[in-house]
Amino acid sequence: MNYVNIKLLEQMAKNNMRSIKELHEKSGVSRTTISALLNGKKKAIHFDIIVRLCKSLNCDIGDLIKLAENDKGAAS
Protein backbone atom coordinates (compact mmCIF):
# COMPACT_ATOMS: atom_id res chain seq x y z
CA MET A 1 0.00 0.00 0.00
CA ASN A 2 1.28 3.49 -0.85
CA TYR A 3 1.02 6.67 1.16
CA VAL A 4 2.10 10.29 0.83
CA ASN A 5 5.14 11.42 2.81
CA ILE A 6 5.46 15.16 3.47
CA LYS A 7 9.17 16.06 3.70
CA LEU A 8 8.52 19.36 5.46
CA LEU A 9 11.09 18.97 8.23
CA GLU A 10 13.85 18.19 5.73
CA GLN A 11 13.00 21.23 3.62
CA MET A 12 12.84 23.45 6.71
CA ALA A 13 16.32 22.23 7.71
CA LYS A 14 17.70 22.99 4.24
CA ASN A 15 16.43 26.56 4.67
CA ASN A 16 17.75 26.89 8.23
CA MET A 17 14.20 27.23 9.59
CA ARG A 18 14.05 25.92 13.10
CA SER A 19 10.47 26.61 14.10
CA ILE A 20 6.87 26.39 12.98
CA LYS A 21 6.58 30.11 13.76
CA GLU A 22 9.33 30.94 11.25
CA LEU A 23 7.67 28.98 8.44
CA HIS A 24 4.27 30.40 9.37
CA GLU A 25 5.57 33.97 9.15
CA LYS A 26 7.28 33.37 5.81
CA SER A 27 4.50 31.34 4.14
CA GLY A 28 1.29 32.56 5.74
CA VAL A 29 0.26 28.93 6.34
CA SER A 30 -1.33 28.49 9.77
CA ARG A 31 0.73 27.08 12.60
CA THR A 32 -1.94 24.42 13.12
CA THR A 33 -1.61 23.21 9.52
CA ILE A 34 2.19 23.19 9.65
CA SER A 35 2.14 21.29 12.95
CA ALA A 36 -0.33 18.73 11.57
CA LEU A 37 1.88 18.20 8.51
CA LEU A 38 5.00 17.77 10.64
CA ASN A 39 3.23 15.27 12.91
CA GLY A 40 1.61 13.27 10.10
CA LYS A 41 -1.89 14.18 11.28
CA LYS A 42 -3.02 15.83 8.04
CA LYS A 43 -4.98 13.62 5.63
CA ALA A 44 -5.41 16.23 2.85
CA ILE A 45 -3.82 19.50 1.81
CA HIS A 46 -4.99 22.19 -0.62
CA PHE A 47 -2.86 23.04 -3.63
CA ASP A 48 -2.57 26.69 -2.53
CA ILE A 49 -0.92 25.59 0.72
CA ILE A 50 1.52 23.37 -1.17
CA VAL A 51 2.40 26.31 -3.44
CA ARG A 52 2.95 28.67 -0.47
CA LEU A 53 5.15 26.13 1.30
CA CYS A 54 7.20 25.42 -1.82
CA LYS A 55 7.73 29.13 -2.51
CA SER A 56 8.72 29.78 1.10
CA LEU A 57 11.10 26.82 1.16
CA ASN A 58 12.53 27.40 -2.33
CA CYS A 59 11.68 23.86 -3.43
CA ASP A 60 9.67 21.98 -6.01
CA ILE A 61 6.56 19.98 -5.15
CA GLY A 62 8.53 16.75 -5.60
CA ASP A 63 11.01 17.90 -2.97
CA LEU A 64 8.18 18.37 -0.47
CA ILE A 65 5.85 15.48 -1.28
CA LYS A 66 6.94 11.89 -1.89
CA LEU A 67 4.96 8.76 -2.63
CA ALA A 68 6.19 5.99 -0.33
CA GLU A 69 5.34 2.39 0.35
CA ASN A 70 3.99 1.26 3.68
CA ASP A 71 5.72 -1.94 4.80
CA LYS A 72 2.94 -2.79 7.28
CA GLY A 73 0.75 -5.56 5.99
CA ALA A 74 2.72 -5.89 2.76
CA ALA A 75 1.62 -9.50 2.27
CA SER A 76 -0.87 -10.01 -0.56
PDB file of N, CA and C in Angstrom:
ATOM      1  N   MET A   1       0.839  -1.175   0.000  1.00  0.00           N
ATOM      2  CA  MET A   1       0.000   0.000   0.000  1.00  0.00           C
ATOM      3  C   MET A   1       0.891   1.247   0.000  1.00  0.00           C
ATOM      4  N   ASN A   2       0.517   2.242  -0.761  1.00  0.00           N
ATOM      5  CA  ASN A   2       1.281   3.487  -0.848  1.00  0.00           C
ATOM      6  C   ASN A   2       0.674   4.572   0.036  1.00  0.00           C
ATOM      7  N   TYR A   3       1.487   5.512   0.419  1.00  0.00           N
ATOM      8  CA  TYR A   3       1.023   6.668   1.158  1.00  0.00           C
ATOM      9  C   TYR A   3       1.876   7.873   0.775  1.00  0.00           C
ATOM     10  N   VAL A   4       1.400   9.051   1.152  1.00  0.00           N
ATOM     11  CA  VAL A   4       2.100  10.291   0.834  1.00  0.00           C
ATOM     12  C   VAL A   4       2.948  10.700   2.039  1.00  0.00           C
ATOM     13  N   ASN A   5       4.208  10.992   1.778  1.00  0.00           N
ATOM     14  CA  ASN A   5       5.141  11.420   2.815  1.00  0.00           C
ATOM     15  C   ASN A   5       5.475  12.894   2.579  1.00  0.00           C
ATOM     16  N   ILE A   6       5.160  13.736   3.554  1.00  0.00           N
ATOM     17  CA  ILE A   6       5.461  15.165   3.467  1.00  0.00           C
ATOM     18  C   ILE A   6       6.841  15.390   4.080  1.00  0.00           C
ATOM     19  N   LYS A   7       7.781  15.871   3.270  1.00  0.00           N
ATOM     20  CA  LYS A   7       9.166  16.058   3.699  1.00  0.00           C
ATOM     21  C   LYS A   7       9.401  17.493   4.201  1.00  0.00           C
ATOM     22  N   LEU A   8       8.482  17.969   5.006  1.00  0.00           N
ATOM     23  CA  LEU A   8       8.524  19.356   5.464  1.00  0.00           C
ATOM     24  C   LEU A   8       9.719  19.636   6.374  1.00  0.00           C
ATOM     25  N   LEU A   9       9.972  18.760   7.297  1.00  0.00           N
ATOM     26  CA  LEU A   9      11.087  18.966   8.229  1.00  0.00           C
ATOM     27  C   LEU A   9      12.421  19.045   7.497  1.00  0.00           C
ATOM     28  N   GLU A  10      12.609  18.185   6.498  1.00  0.00           N
ATOM     29  CA  GLU A  10      13.849  18.187   5.735  1.00  0.00           C
ATOM     30  C   GLU A  10      14.016  19.493   4.971  1.00  0.00           C
ATOM     31  N   GLN A  11      12.929  19.977   4.375  1.00  0.00           N
ATOM     32  CA  GLN A  11      12.995  21.231   3.621  1.00  0.00           C
ATOM     33  C   GLN A  11      13.214  22.423   4.550  1.00  0.00           C
ATOM     34  N   MET A  12      12.603  22.383   5.727  1.00  0.00           N
ATOM     35  CA  MET A  12      12.839  23.448   6.709  1.00  0.00           C
ATOM     36  C   MET A  12      14.314  23.479   7.098  1.00  0.00           C
ATOM     37  N   ALA A  13      14.904  22.315   7.324  1.00  0.00           N
ATOM     38  CA  ALA A  13      16.316  22.235   7.712  1.00  0.00           C
ATOM     39  C   ALA A  13      17.213  22.789   6.614  1.00  0.00           C
ATOM     40  N   LYS A  14      16.909  22.471   5.358  1.00  0.00           N
ATOM     41  CA  LYS A  14      17.704  22.989   4.240  1.00  0.00           C
ATOM     42  C   LYS A  14      17.665  24.513   4.170  1.00  0.00           C
ATOM     43  N   ASN A  15      16.592  25.105   4.690  1.00  0.00           N
ATOM     44  CA  ASN A  15      16.435  26.559   4.670  1.00  0.00           C
ATOM     45  C   ASN A  15      16.741  27.195   6.019  1.00  0.00           C
ATOM     46  N   ASN A  16      17.384  26.414   6.900  1.00  0.00           N
ATOM     47  CA  ASN A  16      17.748  26.894   8.232  1.00  0.00           C
ATOM     48  C   ASN A  16      16.563  27.449   9.011  1.00  0.00           C
ATOM     49  N   MET A  17      15.394  26.858   8.815  1.00  0.00           N
ATOM     50  CA  MET A  17      14.202  27.225   9.589  1.00  0.00           C
ATOM     51  C   MET A  17      14.095  26.239  10.736  1.00  0.00           C
ATOM     52  N   ARG A  18      14.044  26.771  11.931  1.00  0.00           N
ATOM     53  CA  ARG A  18      14.054  25.919  13.102  1.00  0.00           C
ATOM     54  C   ARG A  18      12.719  25.848  13.822  1.00  0.00           C
ATOM     55  N   SER A  19      11.737  26.616  13.364  1.00  0.00           N
ATOM     56  CA  SER A  19      10.471  26.611  14.098  1.00  0.00           C
ATOM     57  C   SER A  19       9.262  26.727  13.175  1.00  0.00           C
ATOM     58  N   ILE A  20       8.145  26.251  13.687  1.00  0.00           N
ATOM     59  CA  ILE A  20       6.871  26.387  12.982  1.00  0.00           C
ATOM     60  C   ILE A  20       6.556  27.866  12.798  1.00  0.00           C
ATOM     61  N   LYS A  21       6.857  28.664  13.812  1.00  0.00           N
ATOM     62  CA  LYS A  21       6.583  30.108  13.757  1.00  0.00           C
ATOM     63  C   LYS A  21       7.292  30.753  12.571  1.00  0.00           C
ATOM     64  N   GLU A  22       8.542  30.388  12.356  1.00  0.00           N
ATOM     65  CA  GLU A  22       9.331  30.940  11.251  1.00  0.00           C
ATOM     66  C   GLU A  22       8.688  30.631   9.898  1.00  0.00           C
ATOM     67  N   LEU A  23       8.306  29.364   9.700  1.00  0.00           N
ATOM     68  CA  LEU A  23       7.673  28.978   8.438  1.00  0.00           C
ATOM     69  C   LEU A  23       6.311  29.637   8.295  1.00  0.00           C
ATOM     70  N   HIS A  24       5.571  29.725   9.376  1.00  0.00           N
ATOM     71  CA  HIS A  24       4.268  30.399   9.368  1.00  0.00           C
ATOM     72  C   HIS A  24       4.410  31.853   8.917  1.00  0.00           C
ATOM     73  N   GLU A  25       5.378  32.561   9.483  1.00  0.00           N
ATOM     74  CA  GLU A  25       5.571  33.974   9.152  1.00  0.00           C
ATOM     75  C   GLU A  25       5.998  34.160   7.696  1.00  0.00           C
ATOM     76  N   LYS A  26       6.797  33.243   7.180  1.00  0.00           N
ATOM     77  CA  LYS A  26       7.278  33.369   5.808  1.00  0.00           C
ATOM     78  C   LYS A  26       6.226  32.935   4.787  1.00  0.00           C
ATOM     79  N   SER A  27       5.431  31.912   5.118  1.00  0.00           N
ATOM     80  CA  SER A  27       4.496  31.338   4.143  1.00  0.00           C
ATOM     81  C   SER A  27       3.056  31.814   4.296  1.00  0.00           C
ATOM     82  N   GLY A  28       2.683  32.207   5.486  1.00  0.00           N
ATOM     83  CA  GLY A  28       1.292  32.559   5.741  1.00  0.00           C
ATOM     84  C   GLY A  28       0.414  31.349   6.021  1.00  0.00           C
ATOM     85  N   VAL A  29       0.996  30.158   6.018  1.00  0.00           N
ATOM     86  CA  VAL A  29       0.259  28.935   6.340  1.00  0.00           C
ATOM     87  C   VAL A  29       0.107  28.880   7.860  1.00  0.00           C
ATOM     88  N   SER A  30      -1.073  28.484   8.324  1.00  0.00           N
ATOM     89  CA  SER A  30      -1.333  28.491   9.766  1.00  0.00           C
ATOM     90  C   SER A  30      -0.394  27.554  10.517  1.00  0.00           C
ATOM     91  N   ARG A  31      -0.122  27.915  11.752  1.00  0.00           N
ATOM     92  CA  ARG A  31       0.734  27.083  12.599  1.00  0.00           C
ATOM     93  C   ARG A  31       0.099  25.708  12.818  1.00  0.00           C
ATOM     94  N   THR A  32      -1.216  25.685  12.929  1.00  0.00           N
ATOM     95  CA  THR A  32      -1.938  24.422  13.123  1.00  0.00           C
ATOM     96  C   THR A  32      -1.718  23.486  11.945  1.00  0.00           C
ATOM     97  N   THR A  33      -1.813  24.014  10.729  1.00  0.00           N
ATOM     98  CA  THR A  33      -1.613  23.207   9.524  1.00  0.00           C
ATOM     99  C   THR A  33      -0.177  22.710   9.441  1.00  0.00           C
ATOM    100  N   ILE A  34       0.779  23.587   9.696  1.00  0.00           N
ATOM    101  CA  ILE A  34       2.191  23.191   9.654  1.00  0.00           C
ATOM    102  C   ILE A  34       2.464  22.103  10.685  1.00  0.00           C
ATOM    103  N   SER A  35       1.956  22.279  11.892  1.00  0.00           N
ATOM    104  CA  SER A  35       2.144  21.291  12.952  1.00  0.00           C
ATOM    105  C   SER A  35       1.530  19.946  12.566  1.00  0.00           C
ATOM    106  N   ALA A  36       0.331  19.975  11.995  1.00  0.00           N
ATOM    107  CA  ALA A  36      -0.326  18.731  11.573  1.00  0.00           C
ATOM    108  C   ALA A  36       0.476  18.031  10.484  1.00  0.00           C
ATOM    109  N   LEU A  37       1.049  18.792   9.557  1.00  0.00           N
ATOM    110  CA  LEU A  37       1.884  18.204   8.509  1.00  0.00           C
ATOM    111  C   LEU A  37       3.147  17.582   9.094  1.00  0.00           C
ATOM    112  N   LEU A  38       3.779  18.269  10.017  1.00  0.00           N
ATOM    113  CA  LEU A  38       4.998  17.766  10.643  1.00  0.00           C
ATOM    114  C   LEU A  38       4.745  16.500  11.454  1.00  0.00           C
ATOM    115  N   ASN A  39       3.555  16.410  12.050  1.00  0.00           N
ATOM    116  CA  ASN A  39       3.230  15.272  12.909  1.00  0.00           C
ATOM    117  C   ASN A  39       2.478  14.158  12.188  1.00  0.00           C
ATOM    118  N   GLY A  40       2.294  14.302  10.874  1.00  0.00           N
ATOM    119  CA  GLY A  40       1.615  13.271  10.100  1.00  0.00           C
ATOM    120  C   GLY A  40       0.136  13.152  10.382  1.00  0.00           C
ATOM    121  N   LYS A  41      -0.474  14.209  10.905  1.00  0.00           N
ATOM    122  CA  LYS A  41      -1.892  14.177  11.275  1.00  0.00           C
ATOM    123  C   LYS A  41      -2.810  14.677  10.165  1.00  0.00           C
ATOM    124  N   LYS A  42      -2.238  15.240   9.125  1.00  0.00           N
ATOM    125  CA  LYS A  42      -3.021  15.834   8.041  1.00  0.00           C
ATOM    126  C   LYS A  42      -3.312  14.781   6.987  1.00  0.00           C
ATOM    127  N   LYS A  43      -4.580  14.611   6.631  1.00  0.00           N
ATOM    128  CA  LYS A  43      -4.979  13.621   5.626  1.00  0.00           C
ATOM    129  C   LYS A  43      -5.084  14.228   4.231  1.00  0.00           C
ATOM    130  N   ALA A  44      -5.263  15.551   4.149  1.00  0.00           N
ATOM    131  CA  ALA A  44      -5.408  16.231   2.855  1.00  0.00           C
ATOM    132  C   ALA A  44      -4.801  17.627   2.970  1.00  0.00           C
ATOM    133  N   ILE A  45      -4.397  18.171   1.828  1.00  0.00           N
ATOM    134  CA  ILE A  45      -3.817  19.503   1.808  1.00  0.00           C
ATOM    135  C   ILE A  45      -4.199  20.176   0.487  1.00  0.00           C
ATOM    136  N   HIS A  46      -4.593  21.427   0.567  1.00  0.00           N
ATOM    137  CA  HIS A  46      -4.989  22.187  -0.619  1.00  0.00           C
ATOM    138  C   HIS A  46      -3.759  22.580  -1.433  1.00  0.00           C
ATOM    139  N   PHE A  47      -3.952  22.669  -2.739  1.00  0.00           N
ATOM    140  CA  PHE A  47      -2.856  23.043  -3.629  1.00  0.00           C
ATOM    141  C   PHE A  47      -2.265  24.402  -3.268  1.00  0.00           C
ATOM    142  N   ASP A  48      -3.095  25.365  -2.849  1.00  0.00           N
ATOM    143  CA  ASP A  48      -2.567  26.693  -2.529  1.00  0.00           C
ATOM    144  C   ASP A  48      -1.596  26.638  -1.353  1.00  0.00           C
ATOM    145  N   ILE A  49      -1.835  25.743  -0.418  1.00  0.00           N
ATOM    146  CA  ILE A  49      -0.922  25.592   0.720  1.00  0.00           C
ATOM    147  C   ILE A  49       0.399  24.973   0.252  1.00  0.00           C
ATOM    148  N   ILE A  50       0.317  23.985  -0.620  1.00  0.00           N
ATOM    149  CA  ILE A  50       1.525  23.374  -1.169  1.00  0.00           C
ATOM    150  C   ILE A  50       2.354  24.427  -1.896  1.00  0.00           C
ATOM    151  N   VAL A  51       1.699  25.260  -2.685  1.00  0.00           N
ATOM    152  CA  VAL A  51       2.401  26.313  -3.435  1.00  0.00           C
ATOM    153  C   VAL A  51       3.076  27.287  -2.473  1.00  0.00           C
ATOM    154  N   ARG A  52       2.363  27.728  -1.433  1.00  0.00           N
ATOM    155  CA  ARG A  52       2.951  28.673  -0.473  1.00  0.00           C
ATOM    156  C   ARG A  52       4.147  28.064   0.251  1.00  0.00           C
ATOM    157  N   LEU A  53       4.034  26.793   0.630  1.00  0.00           N
ATOM    158  CA  LEU A  53       5.151  26.132   1.304  1.00  0.00           C
ATOM    159  C   LEU A  53       6.351  25.994   0.371  1.00  0.00           C
ATOM    160  N   CYS A  54       6.104  25.579  -0.863  1.00  0.00           N
ATOM    161  CA  CYS A  54       7.204  25.422  -1.822  1.00  0.00           C
ATOM    162  C   CYS A  54       7.901  26.749  -2.100  1.00  0.00           C
ATOM    163  N   LYS A  55       7.126  27.815  -2.275  1.00  0.00           N
ATOM    164  CA  LYS A  55       7.733  29.130  -2.515  1.00  0.00           C
ATOM    165  C   LYS A  55       8.542  29.580  -1.307  1.00  0.00           C
ATOM    166  N   SER A  56       8.025  29.357  -0.119  1.00  0.00           N
ATOM    167  CA  SER A  56       8.715  29.784   1.104  1.00  0.00           C
ATOM    168  C   SER A  56       9.976  28.971   1.363  1.00  0.00           C
ATOM    169  N   LEU A  57       9.962  27.711   0.923  1.00  0.00           N
ATOM    170  CA  LEU A  57      11.096  26.817   1.160  1.00  0.00           C
ATOM    171  C   LEU A  57      12.006  26.679  -0.054  1.00  0.00           C
ATOM    172  N   ASN A  58      11.719  27.439  -1.110  1.00  0.00           N
ATOM    173  CA  ASN A  58      12.525  27.403  -2.332  1.00  0.00           C
ATOM    174  C   ASN A  58      12.715  25.974  -2.836  1.00  0.00           C
ATOM    175  N   CYS A  59      11.604  25.244  -2.963  1.00  0.00           N
ATOM    176  CA  CYS A  59      11.684  23.862  -3.428  1.00  0.00           C
ATOM    177  C   CYS A  59      10.571  23.568  -4.425  1.00  0.00           C
ATOM    178  N   ASP A  60      10.711  22.456  -5.102  1.00  0.00           N
ATOM    179  CA  ASP A  60       9.674  21.977  -6.008  1.00  0.00           C
ATOM    180  C   ASP A  60       8.717  21.078  -5.232  1.00  0.00           C
ATOM    181  N   ILE A  61       7.555  20.838  -5.805  1.00  0.00           N
ATOM    182  CA  ILE A  61       6.563  19.981  -5.155  1.00  0.00           C
ATOM    183  C   ILE A  61       7.153  18.604  -4.861  1.00  0.00           C
ATOM    184  N   GLY A  62       7.919  18.068  -5.793  1.00  0.00           N
ATOM    185  CA  GLY A  62       8.527  16.749  -5.603  1.00  0.00           C
ATOM    186  C   GLY A  62       9.541  16.694  -4.473  1.00  0.00           C
ATOM    187  N   ASP A  63      10.084  17.848  -4.104  1.00  0.00           N
ATOM    188  CA  ASP A  63      11.014  17.898  -2.973  1.00  0.00           C
ATOM    189  C   ASP A  63      10.253  17.845  -1.647  1.00  0.00           C
ATOM    190  N   LEU A  64       9.001  18.270  -1.684  1.00  0.00           N
ATOM    191  CA  LEU A  64       8.184  18.375  -0.474  1.00  0.00           C
ATOM    192  C   LEU A  64       7.296  17.153  -0.267  1.00  0.00           C
ATOM    193  N   ILE A  65       6.802  16.584  -1.370  1.00  0.00           N
ATOM    194  CA  ILE A  65       5.848  15.480  -1.285  1.00  0.00           C
ATOM    195  C   ILE A  65       6.412  14.266  -2.011  1.00  0.00           C
ATOM    196  N   LYS A  66       6.436  13.142  -1.327  1.00  0.00           N
ATOM    197  CA  LYS A  66       6.941  11.894  -1.893  1.00  0.00           C
ATOM    198  C   LYS A  66       5.894  10.798  -1.726  1.00  0.00           C
ATOM    199  N   LEU A  67       5.808   9.942  -2.724  1.00  0.00           N
ATOM    200  CA  LEU A  67       4.963   8.756  -2.634  1.00  0.00           C
ATOM    201  C   LEU A  67       5.840   7.646  -2.074  1.00  0.00           C
ATOM    202  N   ALA A  68       5.397   7.024  -0.991  1.00  0.00           N
ATOM    203  CA  ALA A  68       6.193   5.994  -0.328  1.00  0.00           C
ATOM    204  C   ALA A  68       5.352   4.751  -0.120  1.00  0.00           C
ATOM    205  N   GLU A  69       6.031   3.642   0.077  1.00  0.00           N
ATOM    206  CA  GLU A  69       5.342   2.386   0.350  1.00  0.00           C
ATOM    207  C   GLU A  69       5.306   2.127   1.844  1.00  0.00           C
ATOM    208  N   ASN A  70       4.173   1.626   2.279  1.00  0.00           N
ATOM    209  CA  ASN A  70       3.992   1.261   3.677  1.00  0.00           C
ATOM    210  C   ASN A  70       4.323  -0.212   3.820  1.00  0.00           C
ATOM    211  N   ASP A  71       5.303  -0.549   4.640  1.00  0.00           N
ATOM    212  CA  ASP A  71       5.722  -1.937   4.802  1.00  0.00           C
ATOM    213  C   ASP A  71       4.755  -2.758   5.660  1.00  0.00           C
ATOM    214  N   LYS A  72       3.888  -2.082   6.415  1.00  0.00           N
ATOM    215  CA  LYS A  72       2.938  -2.789   7.283  1.00  0.00           C
ATOM    216  C   LYS A  72       1.923  -3.536   6.423  1.00  0.00           C
ATOM    217  N   GLY A  73       1.743  -4.769   6.701  1.00  0.00           N
ATOM    218  CA  GLY A  73       0.747  -5.563   5.985  1.00  0.00           C
ATOM    219  C   GLY A  73       1.051  -5.722   4.511  1.00  0.00           C
ATOM    220  N   ALA A  74       2.307  -5.824   4.169  1.00  0.00           N
ATOM    221  CA  ALA A  74       2.721  -5.886   2.765  1.00  0.00           C
ATOM    222  C   ALA A  74       2.357  -7.205   2.098  1.00  0.00           C
ATOM    223  N   ALA A  75       1.965  -8.200   2.863  1.00  0.00           N
ATOM    224  CA  ALA A  75       1.620  -9.503   2.268  1.00  0.00           C
ATOM    225  C   ALA A  75       0.340  -9.392   1.445  1.00  0.00           C
ATOM    226  N   SER A  76       0.311 -10.039   0.294  1.00  0.00           N
ATOM    227  CA  SER A  76      -0.868 -10.009  -0.562  1.00  0.00           C
ATOM    228  C   SER A  76      -1.609 -11.309  -0.487  1.00  0.00           C
TER     229      SER A  76
END
